[in-house]
Amino acid sequence: MKTKTKKALATMNILTWIVFIGCCMQTGALLFTFFMSLFTNPLAAKNLYLGLNLSDLYESSTTHYVLMVGALILQYALRAYLTYLVIRIFLKINFVHPFSPDIAAIIAKISYIAFGTGILIVLAKEYSKWLMEKGIVLNNLQQYLEGGTEFILMAAILFIVAQVFNRGIELQTENELTI
């Protein structure tokens, strides 16, 4: 493998770890303030994470508050899981025989998780619009619900890549059998 490719992959591996840690911190911070707002101090709903203010939603309905913040936490947790799966690819990939069933399975799993994340974001965004139509002020929630369609598109692309990997595995196996 060329040195330039090795450096690019090493850089991507480091960046993936940084993104993974950042996603875990976002999830943990949101989870911590969510439980704090529910069980200790309801005022924590005014600043859940980086200025996210859902205090009006909390005051109008605890059920809607739990559902909306639960969707946000799940979204961030799924993003962290996606980056964890990318880290697993870096840990398992063999550049001599890159087409392995493990890598294909991880790529397929990433596509499924990305699709689920995209659907979750789209549903949460529509749910927030419905809540706003009911007159509930959700301040800056919309900026936390961006990227749903992009995740769905990424899922479709990764699904295709997983199918190409599966074909590569078949060809690699055929070549090994003919030698």
Protein backbone atom coordinates (compact mmCIF):
# COMPACT_ATOMS: atom_id res chain seq x y z
CA MET A 1 0.00 0.00 0.00
CA LYS A 2 1.27 3.44 -0.82
CA THR A 3 2.51 5.69 1.95
CA LYS A 4 0.02 8.40 0.98
CA THR A 5 -2.88 5.97 1.38
CA LYS A 6 -1.55 4.77 4.73
CA LYS A 7 -1.34 8.34 6.00
CA ALA A 8 -4.86 9.11 4.78
CA LEU A 9 -6.27 6.02 6.49
CA ALA A 10 -4.37 6.73 9.70
CA THR A 11 -5.71 10.29 9.68
CA MET A 12 -9.26 9.03 9.05
CA ASN A 13 -8.88 6.55 11.90
CA ILE A 14 -7.86 9.33 14.30
CA LEU A 15 -10.69 11.59 13.09
CA THR A 16 -13.17 8.75 13.53
CA TRP A 17 -12.04 8.29 17.14
CA ILE A 18 -12.43 12.03 17.74
CA VAL A 19 -15.95 12.01 16.25
CA PHE A 20 -16.82 8.92 18.29
CA ILE A 21 -15.69 10.56 21.53
CA GLY A 22 -17.58 13.73 20.61
CA CYS A 23 -20.77 11.79 19.87
CA CYS A 24 -20.46 9.91 23.17
CA MET A 25 -19.98 13.18 25.04
CA GLN A 26 -23.04 14.73 23.33
CA THR A 27 -25.14 11.70 24.17
CA GLY A 28 -23.92 11.62 27.76
CA ALA A 29 -24.43 15.35 28.31
CA LEU A 30 -27.95 15.26 26.90
CA LEU A 31 -28.79 12.12 28.87
CA PHE A 32 -27.43 13.61 32.10
CA THR A 33 -29.33 16.89 31.80
CA PHE A 34 -32.47 15.03 30.72
CA PHE A 35 -32.49 12.89 33.88
CA MET A 36 -31.55 15.93 35.94
CA SER A 37 -34.55 17.83 34.54
CA LEU A 38 -36.87 14.91 35.25
CA PHE A 39 -35.78 13.91 38.74
CA THR A 40 -33.80 16.72 40.33
CA ASN A 41 -34.31 20.15 38.85
CA PRO A 42 -36.97 20.93 36.21
CA LEU A 43 -35.10 24.14 35.40
CA ALA A 44 -32.49 22.01 33.61
CA ALA A 45 -35.00 21.76 30.75
CA LYS A 46 -34.11 25.39 29.94
CA ASN A 47 -30.61 24.42 28.86
CA LEU A 48 -30.48 20.74 28.02
CA TYR A 49 -27.51 20.86 25.71
CA LEU A 50 -25.77 23.86 24.14
CA GLY A 51 -28.74 26.17 24.67
CA LEU A 52 -31.46 23.68 23.80
CA ASN A 53 -34.46 25.02 25.69
CA LEU A 54 -37.44 22.68 25.95
CA SER A 55 -38.89 24.14 29.15
CA ASP A 56 -42.19 25.08 27.45
CA LEU A 57 -42.58 21.51 26.27
CA TYR A 58 -41.75 20.20 29.75
CA GLU A 59 -44.33 22.51 31.35
CA SER A 60 -47.06 21.66 28.83
CA SER A 61 -46.62 17.86 28.81
CA THR A 62 -44.06 15.63 30.46
CA THR A 63 -44.96 12.80 28.08
CA HIS A 64 -44.19 14.87 24.97
CA TYR A 65 -41.04 16.13 26.67
CA VAL A 66 -39.83 12.58 27.40
CA LEU A 67 -40.64 11.43 23.85
CA MET A 68 -38.89 14.37 22.18
CA VAL A 69 -35.78 14.31 24.34
CA GLY A 70 -35.74 10.51 24.11
CA ALA A 71 -35.69 10.82 20.32
CA LEU A 72 -32.81 13.30 20.54
CA ILE A 73 -30.83 11.04 22.87
CA LEU A 74 -31.47 8.03 20.64
CA GLN A 75 -30.38 10.02 17.60
CA TYR A 76 -27.08 10.99 19.23
CA ALA A 77 -26.55 7.45 20.53
CA LEU A 78 -27.10 6.03 17.03
CA ARG A 79 -24.58 8.50 15.61
CA ALA A 80 -22.06 7.33 18.21
CA TYR A 81 -22.80 3.71 17.31
CA LEU A 82 -22.27 4.50 13.62
CA THR A 83 -18.83 5.91 14.31
CA TYR A 84 -18.06 2.92 16.54
CA LEU A 85 -18.86 0.63 13.61
CA VAL A 86 -16.49 2.63 11.40
CA ILE A 87 -13.79 2.18 14.07
CA ARG A 88 -14.47 -1.58 13.94
CA ILE A 89 -13.82 -1.49 10.19
CA PHE A 90 -10.42 0.10 10.82
CA LEU A 91 -9.68 -2.58 13.41
CA LYS A 92 -10.70 -5.53 11.21
CA ILE A 93 -9.67 -4.55 7.71
CA ASN A 94 -6.89 -6.53 6.05
CA PHE A 95 -5.46 -4.60 3.12
CA VAL A 96 -4.02 -7.74 1.51
CA HIS A 97 -7.51 -9.32 1.29
CA PRO A 98 -9.86 -6.39 1.89
CA PHE A 99 -13.05 -8.22 0.93
CA SER A 100 -14.04 -10.15 4.02
CA PRO A 101 -17.47 -11.19 5.27
CA ASP A 102 -16.86 -9.31 8.54
CA ILE A 103 -16.28 -6.00 6.74
CA ALA A 104 -19.28 -6.56 4.46
CA ALA A 105 -21.45 -7.31 7.49
CA ILE A 106 -20.26 -4.15 9.28
CA ILE A 107 -20.92 -2.00 6.20
CA ALA A 108 -24.40 -3.51 5.86
CA LYS A 109 -25.02 -2.85 9.57
CA ILE A 110 -23.89 0.76 9.13
CA SER A 111 -26.37 1.18 6.29
CA TYR A 112 -29.22 -0.21 8.41
CA ILE A 113 -28.31 1.98 11.42
CA ALA A 114 -27.98 5.04 9.17
CA PHE A 115 -31.39 4.32 7.68
CA GLY A 116 -32.91 3.99 11.16
CA THR A 117 -31.23 7.20 12.27
CA GLY A 118 -32.57 9.04 9.24
CA ILE A 119 -36.09 7.77 9.79
CA LEU A 120 -35.88 8.71 13.48
CA ILE A 121 -34.76 12.24 12.65
CA VAL A 122 -37.49 12.71 10.03
CA LEU A 123 -40.15 11.43 12.45
CA ALA A 124 -38.86 13.59 15.30
CA LYS A 125 -38.85 16.63 13.03
CA GLU A 126 -42.45 15.99 11.97
CA TYR A 127 -43.39 15.40 15.61
CA SER A 128 -41.84 18.73 16.58
CA LYS A 129 -43.77 20.47 13.79
CA TRP A 130 -46.98 18.93 15.11
CA LEU A 131 -46.14 20.14 18.62
CA MET A 132 -45.48 23.66 17.32
CA GLU A 133 -48.86 23.62 15.56
CA LYS A 134 -50.36 22.92 18.98
CA GLY A 135 -48.84 26.20 20.17
CA ILE A 136 -45.86 24.81 22.08
CA VAL A 137 -42.70 26.88 21.76
CA LEU A 138 -39.71 24.69 20.89
CA ASN A 139 -37.15 27.50 20.49
CA ASN A 140 -34.12 26.13 18.63
CA LEU A 141 -35.04 22.43 18.48
CA GLN A 142 -35.07 22.32 14.66
CA GLN A 143 -31.30 22.72 14.46
CA TYR A 144 -30.92 19.49 16.47
CA LEU A 145 -33.14 17.63 14.01
CA GLU A 146 -31.20 18.23 10.81
CA GLY A 147 -29.82 15.65 8.42
CA GLY A 148 -32.57 13.03 8.30
CA THR A 149 -32.67 12.76 4.52
CA GLU A 150 -28.88 12.80 4.35
CA PHE A 151 -28.73 9.78 6.65
CA ILE A 152 -31.24 7.96 4.45
CA LEU A 153 -29.19 8.78 1.34
CA MET A 154 -26.02 7.62 3.10
CA ALA A 155 -27.80 4.39 4.04
CA ALA A 156 -28.71 3.74 0.42
CA ILE A 157 -25.15 4.38 -0.76
CA LEU A 158 -23.66 2.17 1.96
CA PHE A 159 -26.12 -0.58 1.13
CA ILE A 160 -24.83 -0.52 -2.45
CA VAL A 161 -21.24 -0.56 -1.18
CA ALA A 162 -22.09 -3.58 1.00
CA GLN A 163 -23.47 -5.36 -2.07
CA VAL A 164 -20.29 -4.55 -4.00
CA PHE A 165 -18.27 -5.95 -1.09
CA ASN A 166 -20.32 -9.12 -1.18
CA ARG A 167 -19.57 -9.47 -4.90
CA GLY A 168 -15.89 -8.80 -4.17
CA ILE A 169 -15.93 -11.59 -1.60
CA GLU A 170 -17.41 -13.95 -4.19
CA LEU A 171 -14.73 -13.02 -6.74
CA GLN A 172 -11.95 -13.27 -4.16
CA THR A 173 -13.18 -16.74 -3.15
CA GLU A 174 -13.37 -17.87 -6.79
CA ASN A 175 -9.80 -16.63 -7.41
CA GLU A 176 -8.53 -18.46 -4.33
CA LEU A 177 -10.20 -21.68 -5.50
CA THR A 178 -8.74 -21.51 -9.04
CA ILE A 179 -5.14 -21.04 -7.85
